[in-house]
Amino acid sequence: MCVPLSRLAECLLAAQRDIVESGLLAPIAGHAGDGNFHLALVIDPSGGEEMARAAALNDRLVRRALDAGGICTGEHGIGLGKSRHLAEEAGADLAVMCAVKQALDPQGILNPGKVFVD
């Protein structure tokens, strides 16, 4: 996540509460000077219940970051795990992103179905 510095402490404290409530192990790291922070979710990817709790935790964090005027992606890009939030995060800019993708990849062969999905 990346949030305005004025909202960073509030978002970090809320994230800590969310982690405790989720029952997951998720250390927080970040670059406090620019509002970026990341959770390193320590989970068993084969455990459906744990994955569901991780997804719910991620969704809460994304919602909070966007509500705080931030972004859910930080400096790492949208990624597959957060691509469903791209329209909300980018707003009208999504059309520009899609146009650039179409101009550079008219046949849709570069990373098909990854980020810009119908």
PDB file of N, CA and C in Angstrom:
ATOM      1  N   MET A   1       0.841  -1.160   0.000  1.00  0.00           N
ATOM      2  CA  MET A   1       0.000   0.000   0.000  1.00  0.00           C
ATOM      3  C   MET A   1       0.894   1.233   0.000  1.00  0.00           C
ATOM      4  N   CYS A   2       0.331   2.319  -0.408  1.00  0.00           N
ATOM      5  CA  CYS A   2       0.990   3.605  -0.289  1.00  0.00           C
ATOM      6  C   CYS A   2      -0.102   4.615   0.042  1.00  0.00           C
ATOM      7  N   VAL A   3       0.062   5.304   1.135  1.00  0.00           N
ATOM      8  CA  VAL A   3      -0.945   6.266   1.586  1.00  0.00           C
ATOM      9  C   VAL A   3      -0.283   7.609   1.829  1.00  0.00           C
ATOM     10  N   PRO A   4      -1.085   8.672   1.839  1.00  0.00           N
ATOM     11  CA  PRO A   4      -0.502   9.975   2.170  1.00  0.00           C
ATOM     12  C   PRO A   4       0.175   9.918   3.537  1.00  0.00           C
ATOM     13  N   LEU A   5       1.284  10.605   3.664  1.00  0.00           N
ATOM     14  CA  LEU A   5       2.022  10.572   4.936  1.00  0.00           C
ATOM     15  C   LEU A   5       1.153  10.976   6.113  1.00  0.00           C
ATOM     16  N   SER A   6       0.215  11.874   5.882  1.00  0.00           N
ATOM     17  CA  SER A   6      -0.660  12.325   6.963  1.00  0.00           C
ATOM     18  C   SER A   6      -1.577  11.213   7.465  1.00  0.00           C
ATOM     19  N   ARG A   7      -1.725  10.130   6.706  1.00  0.00           N
ATOM     20  CA  ARG A   7      -2.594   9.010   7.092  1.00  0.00           C
ATOM     21  C   ARG A   7      -1.816   7.731   7.395  1.00  0.00           C
ATOM     22  N   LEU A   8      -0.480   7.801   7.288  1.00  0.00           N
ATOM     23  CA  LEU A   8       0.336   6.594   7.422  1.00  0.00           C
ATOM     24  C   LEU A   8       0.198   5.938   8.795  1.00  0.00           C
ATOM     25  N   ALA A   9       0.362   6.692   9.871  1.00  0.00           N
ATOM     26  CA  ALA A   9       0.304   6.103  11.213  1.00  0.00           C
ATOM     27  C   ALA A   9      -1.043   5.441  11.457  1.00  0.00           C
ATOM     28  N   GLU A  10      -2.100   6.122  11.086  1.00  0.00           N
ATOM     29  CA  GLU A  10      -3.456   5.577  11.252  1.00  0.00           C
ATOM     30  C   GLU A  10      -3.624   4.268  10.474  1.00  0.00           C
ATOM     31  N   CYS A  11      -3.139   4.230   9.248  1.00  0.00           N
ATOM     32  CA  CYS A  11      -3.273   3.028   8.421  1.00  0.00           C
ATOM     33  C   CYS A  11      -2.409   1.882   8.941  1.00  0.00           C
ATOM     34  N   LEU A  12      -1.224   2.198   9.423  1.00  0.00           N
ATOM     35  CA  LEU A  12      -0.358   1.152   9.988  1.00  0.00           C
ATOM     36  C   LEU A  12      -0.959   0.551  11.249  1.00  0.00           C
ATOM     37  N   LEU A  13      -1.494   1.389  12.121  1.00  0.00           N
ATOM     38  CA  LEU A  13      -2.118   0.882  13.346  1.00  0.00           C
ATOM     39  C   LEU A  13      -3.340   0.024  13.020  1.00  0.00           C
ATOM     40  N   ALA A  14      -4.136   0.462  12.059  1.00  0.00           N
ATOM     41  CA  ALA A  14      -5.297  -0.328  11.642  1.00  0.00           C
ATOM     42  C   ALA A  14      -4.855  -1.647  11.012  1.00  0.00           C
ATOM     43  N   ALA A  15      -3.792  -1.618  10.220  1.00  0.00           N
ATOM     44  CA  ALA A  15      -3.276  -2.844   9.609  1.00  0.00           C
ATOM     45  C   ALA A  15      -2.811  -3.821  10.687  1.00  0.00           C
ATOM     46  N   GLN A  16      -2.150  -3.312  11.716  1.00  0.00           N
ATOM     47  CA  GLN A  16      -1.714  -4.189  12.816  1.00  0.00           C
ATOM     48  C   GLN A  16      -2.922  -4.850  13.485  1.00  0.00           C
ATOM     49  N   ARG A  17      -3.984  -4.081  13.706  1.00  0.00           N
ATOM     50  CA  ARG A  17      -5.197  -4.649  14.308  1.00  0.00           C
ATOM     51  C   ARG A  17      -5.800  -5.709  13.384  1.00  0.00           C
ATOM     52  N   ASP A  18      -5.828  -5.420  12.092  1.00  0.00           N
ATOM     53  CA  ASP A  18      -6.372  -6.377  11.128  1.00  0.00           C
ATOM     54  C   ASP A  18      -5.577  -7.679  11.121  1.00  0.00           C
ATOM     55  N   ILE A  19      -4.268  -7.568  11.226  1.00  0.00           N
ATOM     56  CA  ILE A  19      -3.409  -8.766  11.243  1.00  0.00           C
ATOM     57  C   ILE A  19      -3.734  -9.619  12.462  1.00  0.00           C
ATOM     58  N   VAL A  20      -3.815  -8.984  13.618  1.00  0.00           N
ATOM     59  CA  VAL A  20      -4.129  -9.721  14.849  1.00  0.00           C
ATOM     60  C   VAL A  20      -5.485 -10.402  14.718  1.00  0.00           C
ATOM     61  N   GLU A  21      -6.481  -9.662  14.219  1.00  0.00           N
ATOM     62  CA  GLU A  21      -7.827 -10.233  14.064  1.00  0.00           C
ATOM     63  C   GLU A  21      -7.850 -11.384  13.066  1.00  0.00           C
ATOM     64  N   SER A  22      -6.978 -11.333  12.061  1.00  0.00           N
ATOM     65  CA  SER A  22      -6.960 -12.395  11.054  1.00  0.00           C
ATOM     66  C   SER A  22      -6.339 -13.684  11.586  1.00  0.00           C
ATOM     67  N   GLY A  23      -5.514 -13.563  12.620  1.00  0.00           N
ATOM     68  CA  GLY A  23      -4.821 -14.727  13.145  1.00  0.00           C
ATOM     69  C   GLY A  23      -3.652 -15.176  12.289  1.00  0.00           C
ATOM     70  N   LEU A  24      -3.259 -14.345  11.338  1.00  0.00           N
ATOM     71  CA  LEU A  24      -2.156 -14.680  10.439  1.00  0.00           C
ATOM     72  C   LEU A  24      -0.859 -14.055  10.912  1.00  0.00           C
ATOM     73  N   LEU A  25       0.249 -14.609  10.464  1.00  0.00           N
ATOM     74  CA  LEU A  25       1.557 -14.019  10.687  1.00  0.00           C
ATOM     75  C   LEU A  25       1.859 -13.140   9.485  1.00  0.00           C
ATOM     76  N   ALA A  26       2.036 -11.836   9.727  1.00  0.00           N
ATOM     77  CA  ALA A  26       2.220 -10.914   8.598  1.00  0.00           C
ATOM     78  C   ALA A  26       3.058  -9.718   9.040  1.00  0.00           C
ATOM     79  N   PRO A  27       4.374  -9.882   9.070  1.00  0.00           N
ATOM     80  CA  PRO A  27       5.229  -8.739   9.415  1.00  0.00           C
ATOM     81  C   PRO A  27       5.024  -7.580   8.434  1.00  0.00           C
ATOM     82  N   ILE A  28       5.173  -6.372   8.942  1.00  0.00           N
ATOM     83  CA  ILE A  28       5.035  -5.164   8.132  1.00  0.00           C
ATOM     84  C   ILE A  28       6.421  -4.580   7.899  1.00  0.00           C
ATOM     85  N   ALA A  29       6.687  -4.221   6.668  1.00  0.00           N
ATOM     86  CA  ALA A  29       7.921  -3.521   6.314  1.00  0.00           C
ATOM     87  C   ALA A  29       7.521  -2.365   5.414  1.00  0.00           C
ATOM     88  N   GLY A  30       8.384  -1.403   5.286  1.00  0.00           N
ATOM     89  CA  GLY A  30       8.020  -0.321   4.396  1.00  0.00           C
ATOM     90  C   GLY A  30       9.049   0.777   4.313  1.00  0.00           C
ATOM     91  N   HIS A  31       8.652   1.808   3.621  1.00  0.00           N
ATOM     92  CA  HIS A  31       9.460   3.000   3.438  1.00  0.00           C
ATOM     93  C   HIS A  31       8.613   4.141   4.000  1.00  0.00           C
ATOM     94  N   ALA A  32       8.700   4.327   5.276  1.00  0.00           N
ATOM     95  CA  ALA A  32       7.807   5.267   5.949  1.00  0.00           C
ATOM     96  C   ALA A  32       7.916   6.674   5.376  1.00  0.00           C
ATOM     97  N   GLY A  33       9.051   7.033   4.851  1.00  0.00           N
ATOM     98  CA  GLY A  33       9.245   8.381   4.333  1.00  0.00           C
ATOM     99  C   GLY A  33       8.400   8.717   3.128  1.00  0.00           C
ATOM    100  N   ASP A  34       7.938   7.697   2.392  1.00  0.00           N
ATOM    101  CA  ASP A  34       7.095   7.991   1.236  1.00  0.00           C
ATOM    102  C   ASP A  34       5.712   7.353   1.333  1.00  0.00           C
ATOM    103  N   GLY A  35       5.361   6.827   2.502  1.00  0.00           N
ATOM    104  CA  GLY A  35       4.024   6.300   2.725  1.00  0.00           C
ATOM    105  C   GLY A  35       3.800   4.868   2.285  1.00  0.00           C
ATOM    106  N   ASN A  36       4.840   4.183   1.825  1.00  0.00           N
ATOM    107  CA  ASN A  36       4.736   2.790   1.392  1.00  0.00           C
ATOM    108  C   ASN A  36       4.871   1.841   2.567  1.00  0.00           C
ATOM    109  N   PHE A  37       4.028   0.813   2.579  1.00  0.00           N
ATOM    110  CA  PHE A  37       4.250  -0.290   3.508  1.00  0.00           C
ATOM    111  C   PHE A  37       3.726  -1.576   2.896  1.00  0.00           C
ATOM    112  N   HIS A  38       4.320  -2.672   3.312  1.00  0.00           N
ATOM    113  CA  HIS A  38       4.032  -3.977   2.731  1.00  0.00           C
ATOM    114  C   HIS A  38       3.835  -4.986   3.854  1.00  0.00           C
ATOM    115  N   LEU A  39       2.956  -5.921   3.636  1.00  0.00           N
ATOM    116  CA  LEU A  39       2.814  -7.055   4.537  1.00  0.00           C
ATOM    117  C   LEU A  39       3.450  -8.267   3.874  1.00  0.00           C
ATOM    118  N   ALA A  40       4.179  -9.028   4.645  1.00  0.00           N
ATOM    119  CA  ALA A  40       4.733 -10.296   4.168  1.00  0.00           C
ATOM    120  C   ALA A  40       3.883 -11.397   4.798  1.00  0.00           C
ATOM    121  N   LEU A  41       2.854 -11.811   4.084  1.00  0.00           N
ATOM    122  CA  LEU A  41       1.940 -12.822   4.614  1.00  0.00           C
ATOM    123  C   LEU A  41       2.626 -14.176   4.633  1.00  0.00           C
ATOM    124  N   VAL A  42       2.719 -14.767   5.806  1.00  0.00           N
ATOM    125  CA  VAL A  42       3.335 -16.081   5.975  1.00  0.00           C
ATOM    126  C   VAL A  42       2.187 -17.078   6.080  1.00  0.00           C
ATOM    127  N   ILE A  43       1.903 -17.733   4.955  1.00  0.00           N
ATOM    128  CA  ILE A  43       0.750 -18.630   4.909  1.00  0.00           C
ATOM    129  C   ILE A  43       1.097 -19.891   4.132  1.00  0.00           C
ATOM    130  N   ASP A  44       0.288 -20.906   4.352  1.00  0.00           N
ATOM    131  CA  ASP A  44       0.380 -22.139   3.581  1.00  0.00           C
ATOM    132  C   ASP A  44      -0.548 -21.982   2.383  1.00  0.00           C
ATOM    133  N   PRO A  45       0.002 -21.850   1.171  1.00  0.00           N
ATOM    134  CA  PRO A  45      -0.852 -21.610   0.007  1.00  0.00           C
ATOM    135  C   PRO A  45      -1.779 -22.778  -0.327  1.00  0.00           C
ATOM    136  N   SER A  46      -1.524 -23.944   0.251  1.00  0.00           N
ATOM    137  CA  SER A  46      -2.409 -25.084  -0.016  1.00  0.00           C
ATOM    138  C   SER A  46      -3.580 -25.119   0.952  1.00  0.00           C
ATOM    139  N   GLY A  47      -3.527 -24.283   1.983  1.00  0.00           N
ATOM    140  CA  GLY A  47      -4.603 -24.251   2.970  1.00  0.00           C
ATOM    141  C   GLY A  47      -5.677 -23.260   2.570  1.00  0.00           C
ATOM    142  N   GLY A  48      -6.794 -23.736   2.085  1.00  0.00           N
ATOM    143  CA  GLY A  48      -7.865 -22.874   1.598  1.00  0.00           C
ATOM    144  C   GLY A  48      -8.350 -21.870   2.628  1.00  0.00           C
ATOM    145  N   GLU A  49      -8.488 -22.298   3.868  1.00  0.00           N
ATOM    146  CA  GLU A  49      -8.995 -21.406   4.915  1.00  0.00           C
ATOM    147  C   GLU A  49      -8.003 -20.281   5.192  1.00  0.00           C
ATOM    148  N   GLU A  50      -6.741 -20.600   5.231  1.00  0.00           N
ATOM    149  CA  GLU A  50      -5.716 -19.584   5.454  1.00  0.00           C
ATOM    150  C   GLU A  50      -5.643 -18.616   4.275  1.00  0.00           C
ATOM    151  N   MET A  51      -5.764 -19.142   3.078  1.00  0.00           N
ATOM    152  CA  MET A  51      -5.766 -18.290   1.884  1.00  0.00           C
ATOM    153  C   MET A  51      -6.968 -17.355   1.891  1.00  0.00           C
ATOM    154  N   ALA A  52      -8.107 -17.847   2.342  1.00  0.00           N
ATOM    155  CA  ALA A  52      -9.310 -17.015   2.416  1.00  0.00           C
ATOM    156  C   ALA A  52      -9.119 -15.880   3.423  1.00  0.00           C
ATOM    157  N   ARG A  53      -8.507 -16.184   4.571  1.00  0.00           N
ATOM    158  CA  ARG A  53      -8.232 -15.132   5.564  1.00  0.00           C
ATOM    159  C   ARG A  53      -7.236 -14.122   5.019  1.00  0.00           C
ATOM    160  N   ALA A  54      -6.236 -14.596   4.275  1.00  0.00           N
ATOM    161  CA  ALA A  54      -5.254 -13.690   3.675  1.00  0.00           C
ATOM    162  C   ALA A  54      -5.914 -12.784   2.640  1.00  0.00           C
ATOM    163  N   ALA A  55      -6.797 -13.335   1.826  1.00  0.00           N
ATOM    164  CA  ALA A  55      -7.500 -12.533   0.825  1.00  0.00           C
ATOM    165  C   ALA A  55      -8.384 -11.486   1.491  1.00  0.00           C
ATOM    166  N   ALA A  56      -9.050 -11.862   2.558  1.00  0.00           N
ATOM    167  CA  ALA A  56      -9.900 -10.910   3.280  1.00  0.00           C
ATOM    168  C   ALA A  56      -9.059  -9.803   3.910  1.00  0.00           C
ATOM    169  N   LEU A  57      -7.920 -10.166   4.454  1.00  0.00           N
ATOM    170  CA  LEU A  57      -7.010  -9.179   5.033  1.00  0.00           C
ATOM    171  C   LEU A  57      -6.528  -8.218   3.948  1.00  0.00           C
ATOM    172  N   ASN A  58      -6.122  -8.757   2.819  1.00  0.00           N
ATOM    173  CA  ASN A  58      -5.668  -7.929   1.709  1.00  0.00           C
ATOM    174  C   ASN A  58      -6.763  -6.962   1.263  1.00  0.00           C
ATOM    175  N   ASP A  59      -7.983  -7.453   1.146  1.00  0.00           N
ATOM    176  CA  ASP A  59      -9.090  -6.598   0.719  1.00  0.00           C
ATOM    177  C   ASP A  59      -9.333  -5.457   1.712  1.00  0.00           C
ATOM    178  N   ARG A  60      -9.232  -5.742   3.013  1.00  0.00           N
ATOM    179  CA  ARG A  60      -9.392  -4.676   4.018  1.00  0.00           C
ATOM    180  C   ARG A  60      -8.300  -3.624   3.868  1.00  0.00           C
ATOM    181  N   LEU A  61      -7.065  -4.075   3.650  1.00  0.00           N
ATOM    182  CA  LEU A  61      -5.953  -3.139   3.499  1.00  0.00           C
ATOM    183  C   LEU A  61      -6.107  -2.283   2.246  1.00  0.00           C
ATOM    184  N   VAL A  62      -6.508  -2.908   1.150  1.00  0.00           N
ATOM    185  CA  VAL A  62      -6.721  -2.168  -0.092  1.00  0.00           C
ATOM    186  C   VAL A  62      -7.811  -1.121   0.102  1.00  0.00           C
ATOM    187  N   ARG A  63      -8.925  -1.518   0.666  1.00  0.00           N
ATOM    188  CA  ARG A  63     -10.044  -0.600   0.894  1.00  0.00           C
ATOM    189  C   ARG A  63      -9.592   0.593   1.724  1.00  0.00           C
ATOM    190  N   ARG A  64      -8.829   0.318   2.785  1.00  0.00           N
ATOM    191  CA  ARG A  64      -8.373   1.396   3.666  1.00  0.00           C
ATOM    192  C   ARG A  64      -7.418   2.337   2.927  1.00  0.00           C
ATOM    193  N   ALA A  65      -6.496   1.779   2.157  1.00  0.00           N
ATOM    194  CA  ALA A  65      -5.545   2.614   1.420  1.00  0.00           C
ATOM    195  C   ALA A  65      -6.267   3.515   0.429  1.00  0.00           C
ATOM    196  N   LEU A  66      -7.211   2.957  -0.312  1.00  0.00           N
ATOM    197  CA  LEU A  66      -7.954   3.763  -1.284  1.00  0.00           C
ATOM    198  C   LEU A  66      -8.804   4.815  -0.588  1.00  0.00           C
ATOM    199  N   ASP A  67      -9.456   4.435   0.511  1.00  0.00           N
ATOM    200  CA  ASP A  67     -10.269   5.396   1.266  1.00  0.00           C
ATOM    201  C   ASP A  67      -9.429   6.523   1.854  1.00  0.00           C
ATOM    202  N   ALA A  68      -8.155   6.232   2.123  1.00  0.00           N
ATOM    203  CA  ALA A  68      -7.248   7.239   2.695  1.00  0.00           C
ATOM    204  C   ALA A  68      -6.653   8.144   1.622  1.00  0.00           C
ATOM    205  N   GLY A  69      -7.025   7.911   0.373  1.00  0.00           N
ATOM    206  CA  GLY A  69      -6.466   8.717  -0.713  1.00  0.00           C
ATOM    207  C   GLY A  69      -5.160   8.167  -1.249  1.00  0.00           C
ATOM    208  N   GLY A  70      -4.885   6.910  -0.942  1.00  0.00           N
ATOM    209  CA  GLY A  70      -3.658   6.282  -1.404  1.00  0.00           C
ATOM    210  C   GLY A  70      -3.920   5.311  -2.540  1.00  0.00           C
ATOM    211  N   ILE A  71      -2.983   4.412  -2.721  1.00  0.00           N
ATOM    212  CA  ILE A  71      -3.081   3.387  -3.755  1.00  0.00           C
ATOM    213  C   ILE A  71      -2.773   2.038  -3.134  1.00  0.00           C
ATOM    214  N   CYS A  72      -3.260   1.000  -3.776  1.00  0.00           N
ATOM    215  CA  CYS A  72      -3.050  -0.334  -3.215  1.00  0.00           C
ATOM    216  C   CYS A  72      -1.772  -0.976  -3.712  1.00  0.00           C
ATOM    217  N   THR A  73      -1.069  -0.313  -4.622  1.00  0.00           N
ATOM    218  CA  THR A  73       0.040  -0.968  -5.300  1.00  0.00           C
ATOM    219  C   THR A  73       1.426  -0.587  -4.815  1.00  0.00           C
ATOM    220  N   GLY A  74       1.562   0.499  -4.132  1.00  0.00           N
ATOM    221  CA  GLY A  74       2.902   0.926  -3.771  1.00  0.00           C
ATOM    222  C   GLY A  74       3.753   1.070  -5.011  1.00  0.00           C
ATOM    223  N   GLU A  75       5.009   0.758  -4.909  1.00  0.00           N
ATOM    224  CA  GLU A  75       5.901   0.943  -6.050  1.00  0.00           C
ATOM    225  C   GLU A  75       6.083  -0.326  -6.869  1.00  0.00           C
ATOM    226  N   HIS A  76       5.371  -1.389  -6.538  1.00  0.00           N
ATOM    227  CA  HIS A  76       5.583  -2.667  -7.214  1.00  0.00           C
ATOM    228  C   HIS A  76       4.626  -2.943  -8.364  1.00  0.00           C
ATOM    229  N   GLY A  77       3.728  -2.063  -8.657  1.00  0.00           N
ATOM    230  CA  GLY A  77       2.767  -2.314  -9.723  1.00  0.00           C
ATOM    231  C   GLY A  77       1.570  -3.084  -9.224  1.00  0.00           C
ATOM    232  N   ILE A  78       0.590  -3.248 -10.069  1.00  0.00           N
ATOM    233  CA  ILE A  78      -0.692  -3.799  -9.646  1.00  0.00           C
ATOM    234  C   ILE A  78      -0.617  -5.284  -9.317  1.00  0.00           C
ATOM    235  N   GLY A  79       0.047  -6.074 -10.108  1.00  0.00           N
ATOM    236  CA  GLY A  79       0.145  -7.507  -9.845  1.00  0.00           C
ATOM    237  C   GLY A  79      -1.181  -8.230  -9.998  1.00  0.00           C
ATOM    238  N   LEU A  80      -1.137  -9.535 -10.074  1.00  0.00           N
ATOM    239  CA  LEU A  80      -2.345 -10.338 -10.257  1.00  0.00           C
ATOM    240  C   LEU A  80      -3.262 -10.280  -9.044  1.00  0.00           C
ATOM    241  N   GLY A  81      -2.681 -10.250  -7.870  1.00  0.00           N
ATOM    242  CA  GLY A  81      -3.478 -10.268  -6.649  1.00  0.00           C
ATOM    243  C   GLY A  81      -4.318  -9.033  -6.432  1.00  0.00           C
ATOM    244  N   LYS A  82      -3.951  -7.943  -7.069  1.00  0.00           N
ATOM    245  CA  LYS A  82      -4.697  -6.704  -6.861  1.00  0.00           C
ATOM    246  C   LYS A  82      -5.296  -6.156  -8.147  1.00  0.00           C
ATOM    247  N   SER A  83      -5.192  -6.899  -9.245  1.00  0.00           N
ATOM    248  CA  SER A  83      -5.666  -6.382 -10.525  1.00  0.00           C
ATOM    249  C   SER A  83      -7.157  -6.073 -10.508  1.00  0.00           C
ATOM    250  N   ARG A  84      -7.923  -6.779  -9.687  1.00  0.00           N
ATOM    251  CA  ARG A  84      -9.362  -6.495  -9.626  1.00  0.00           C
ATOM    252  C   ARG A  84      -9.660  -5.134  -9.015  1.00  0.00           C
ATOM    253  N   HIS A  85      -8.659  -4.526  -8.369  1.00  0.00           N
ATOM    254  CA  HIS A  85      -8.831  -3.199  -7.768  1.00  0.00           C
ATOM    255  C   HIS A  85      -8.353  -2.067  -8.684  1.00  0.00           C
ATOM    256  N   LEU A  86      -7.815  -2.429  -9.844  1.00  0.00           N
ATOM    257  CA  LEU A  86      -7.210  -1.423 -10.718  1.00  0.00           C
ATOM    258  C   LEU A  86      -8.205  -0.366 -11.175  1.00  0.00           C
ATOM    259  N   ALA A  87      -9.408  -0.760 -11.556  1.00  0.00           N
ATOM    260  CA  ALA A  87     -10.392   0.210 -12.044  1.00  0.00           C
ATOM    261  C   ALA A  87     -10.715   1.240 -10.971  1.00  0.00           C
ATOM    262  N   GLU A  88     -10.857   0.785  -9.753  1.00  0.00           N
ATOM    263  CA  GLU A  88     -11.150   1.713  -8.663  1.00  0.00           C
ATOM    264  C   GLU A  88      -9.962   2.621  -8.374  1.00  0.00           C
ATOM    265  N   GLU A  89      -8.772   2.062  -8.408  1.00  0.00           N
ATOM    266  CA  GLU A  89      -7.581   2.850  -8.111  1.00  0.00           C
ATOM    267  C   GLU A  89      -7.285   3.863  -9.214  1.00  0.00           C
ATOM    268  N   ALA A  90      -7.380   3.436 -10.453  1.00  0.00           N
ATOM    269  CA  ALA A  90      -6.971   4.289 -11.570  1.00  0.00           C
ATOM    270  C   ALA A  90      -8.072   5.215 -12.066  1.00  0.00           C
ATOM    271  N   GLY A  91      -9.329   4.840 -11.857  1.00  0.00           N
ATOM    272  CA  GLY A  91     -10.438   5.666 -12.331  1.00  0.00           C
ATOM    273  C   GLY A  91     -10.384   5.835 -13.837  1.00  0.00           C
ATOM    274  N   ALA A  92     -10.588   7.082 -14.273  1.00  0.00           N
ATOM    275  CA  ALA A  92     -10.621   7.389 -15.710  1.00  0.00           C
ATOM    276  C   ALA A  92      -9.281   7.121 -16.388  1.00  0.00           C
ATOM    277  N   ASP A  93      -8.198   7.087 -15.623  1.00  0.00           N
ATOM    278  CA  ASP A  93      -6.880   6.826 -16.210  1.00  0.00           C
ATOM    279  C   ASP A  93      -6.766   5.411 -16.767  1.00  0.00           C
ATOM    280  N   LEU A  94      -7.652   4.525 -16.344  1.00  0.00           N
ATOM    281  CA  LEU A  94      -7.603   3.148 -16.837  1.00  0.00           C
ATOM    282  C   LEU A  94      -7.789   3.100 -18.354  1.00  0.00           C
ATOM    283  N   ALA A  95      -8.645   3.952 -18.884  1.00  0.00           N
ATOM    284  CA  ALA A  95      -8.853   3.985 -20.343  1.00  0.00           C
ATOM    285  C   ALA A  95      -7.567   4.358 -21.064  1.00  0.00           C
ATOM    286  N   VAL A  96      -6.794   5.272 -20.493  1.00  0.00           N
ATOM    287  CA  VAL A  96      -5.514   5.666 -21.090  1.00  0.00           C
ATOM    288  C   VAL A  96      -4.538   4.492 -21.035  1.00  0.00           C
ATOM    289  N   MET A  97      -4.496   3.807 -19.902  1.00  0.00           N
ATOM    290  CA  MET A  97      -3.614   2.645 -19.759  1.00  0.00           C
ATOM    291  C   MET A  97      -3.961   1.577 -20.798  1.00  0.00           C
ATOM    292  N   CYS A  98      -5.244   1.320 -20.977  1.00  0.00           N
ATOM    293  CA  CYS A  98      -5.679   0.318 -21.952  1.00  0.00           C
ATOM    294  C   CYS A  98      -5.320   0.748 -23.373  1.00  0.00           C
ATOM    295  N   ALA A  99      -5.441   2.033 -23.660  1.00  0.00           N
ATOM    296  CA  ALA A  99      -5.088   2.535 -24.997  1.00  0.00           C
ATOM    297  C   ALA A  99      -3.596   2.382 -25.263  1.00  0.00           C
ATOM    298  N   VAL A 100      -2.774   2.646 -24.261  1.00  0.00           N
ATOM    299  CA  VAL A 100      -1.319   2.466 -24.417  1.00  0.00           C
ATOM    300  C   VAL A 100      -1.005   0.991 -24.639  1.00  0.00           C
ATOM    301  N   LYS A 101      -1.629   0.124 -23.848  1.00  0.00           N
ATOM    302  CA  LYS A 101      -1.424  -1.320 -24.008  1.00  0.00           C
ATOM    303  C   LYS A 101      -1.825  -1.758 -25.422  1.00  0.00           C
ATOM    304  N   GLN A 102      -2.964  -1.283 -25.893  1.00  0.00           N
ATOM    305  CA  GLN A 102      -3.437  -1.641 -27.231  1.00  0.00           C
ATOM    306  C   GLN A 102      -2.482  -1.131 -28.307  1.00  0.00           C
ATOM    307  N   ALA A 103      -1.957   0.074 -28.139  1.00  0.00           N
ATOM    308  CA  ALA A 103      -1.033   0.645 -29.120  1.00  0.00           C
ATOM    309  C   ALA A 103       0.277  -0.141 -29.177  1.00  0.00           C
ATOM    310  N   LEU A 104       0.758  -0.577 -28.027  1.00  0.00           N
ATOM    311  CA  LEU A 104       2.031  -1.293 -27.970  1.00  0.00           C
ATOM    312  C   LEU A 104       1.886  -2.792 -28.231  1.00  0.00           C
ATOM    313  N   ASP A 105       0.693  -3.312 -28.019  1.00  0.00           N
ATOM    314  CA  ASP A 105       0.468  -4.752 -28.139  1.00  0.00           C
ATOM    315  C   ASP A 105      -0.870  -5.014 -28.826  1.00  0.00           C
ATOM    316  N   PRO A 106      -1.006  -4.617 -30.088  1.00  0.00           N
ATOM    317  CA  PRO A 106      -2.305  -4.730 -30.764  1.00  0.00           C
ATOM    318  C   PRO A 106      -2.815  -6.165 -30.897  1.00  0.00           C
ATOM    319  N   GLN A 107      -1.914  -7.133 -30.879  1.00  0.00           N
ATOM    320  CA  GLN A 107      -2.344  -8.535 -30.990  1.00  0.00           C
ATOM    321  C   GLN A 107      -2.608  -9.175 -29.631  1.00  0.00           C
ATOM    322  N   GLY A 108      -2.340  -8.448 -28.555  1.00  0.00           N
ATOM    323  CA  GLY A 108      -2.611  -8.967 -27.217  1.00  0.00           C
ATOM    324  C   GLY A 108      -1.767 -10.163 -26.829  1.00  0.00           C
ATOM    325  N   ILE A 109      -0.500 -10.160 -27.285  1.00  0.00           N
ATOM    326  CA  ILE A 109       0.356 -11.317 -27.010  1.00  0.00           C
ATOM    327  C   ILE A 109       1.295 -11.104 -25.810  1.00  0.00           C
ATOM    328  N   LEU A 110       1.384  -9.890 -25.332  1.00  0.00           N
ATOM    329  CA  LEU A 110       2.266  -9.611 -24.189  1.00  0.00           C
ATOM    330  C   LEU A 110       1.476  -9.719 -22.888  1.00  0.00           C
ATOM    331  N   ASN A 111       1.770 -10.722 -22.114  1.00  0.00           N
ATOM    332  CA  ASN A 111       1.075 -10.971 -20.845  1.00  0.00           C
ATOM    333  C   ASN A 111      -0.441 -11.014 -21.026  1.00  0.00           C
ATOM    334  N   PRO A 112      -0.929 -11.849 -21.921  1.00  0.00           N
ATOM    335  CA  PRO A 112      -2.376 -11.877 -22.169  1.00  0.00           C
ATOM    336  C   PRO A 112      -3.172 -12.277 -20.928  1.00  0.00           C
ATOM    337  N   GLY A 113      -4.260 -11.545 -20.696  1.00  0.00           N
ATOM    338  CA  GLY A 113      -5.156 -11.864 -19.590  1.00  0.00           C
ATOM    339  C   GLY A 113      -4.619 -11.589 -18.203  1.00  0.00           C
ATOM    340  N   LYS A 114      -3.553 -10.824 -18.087  1.00  0.00           N
ATOM    341  CA  LYS A 114      -2.958 -10.597 -16.778  1.00  0.00           C
ATOM    342  C   LYS A 114      -3.538  -9.384 -16.058  1.00  0.00           C
ATOM    343  N   VAL A 115      -3.432  -8.222 -16.640  1.00  0.00           N
ATOM    344  CA  VAL A 115      -3.861  -7.010 -15.940  1.00  0.00           C
ATOM    345  C   VAL A 115      -5.097  -6.407 -16.568  1.00  0.00           C
ATOM    346  N   PHE A 116      -5.054  -6.170 -17.852  1.00  0.00           N
ATOM    347  CA  PHE A 116      -6.178  -5.536 -18.546  1.00  0.00           C
ATOM    348  C   PHE A 116      -7.109  -6.623 -19.053  1.00  0.00           C
ATOM    349  N   VAL A 117      -7.987  -7.043 -18.199  1.00  0.00           N
ATOM    350  CA  VAL A 117      -8.910  -8.131 -18.506  1.00  0.00           C
ATOM    351  C   VAL A 117     -10.296  -7.534 -18.696  1.00  0.00           C
ATOM    352  N   ASP A 118     -11.019  -8.032 -19.695  1.00  0.00           N
ATOM    353  CA  ASP A 118     -12.389  -7.548 -19.929  1.00  0.00           C
ATOM    354  C   ASP A 118     -13.274  -7.874 -18.744  1.00  0.00           C
TER     355      ASP A 118
END
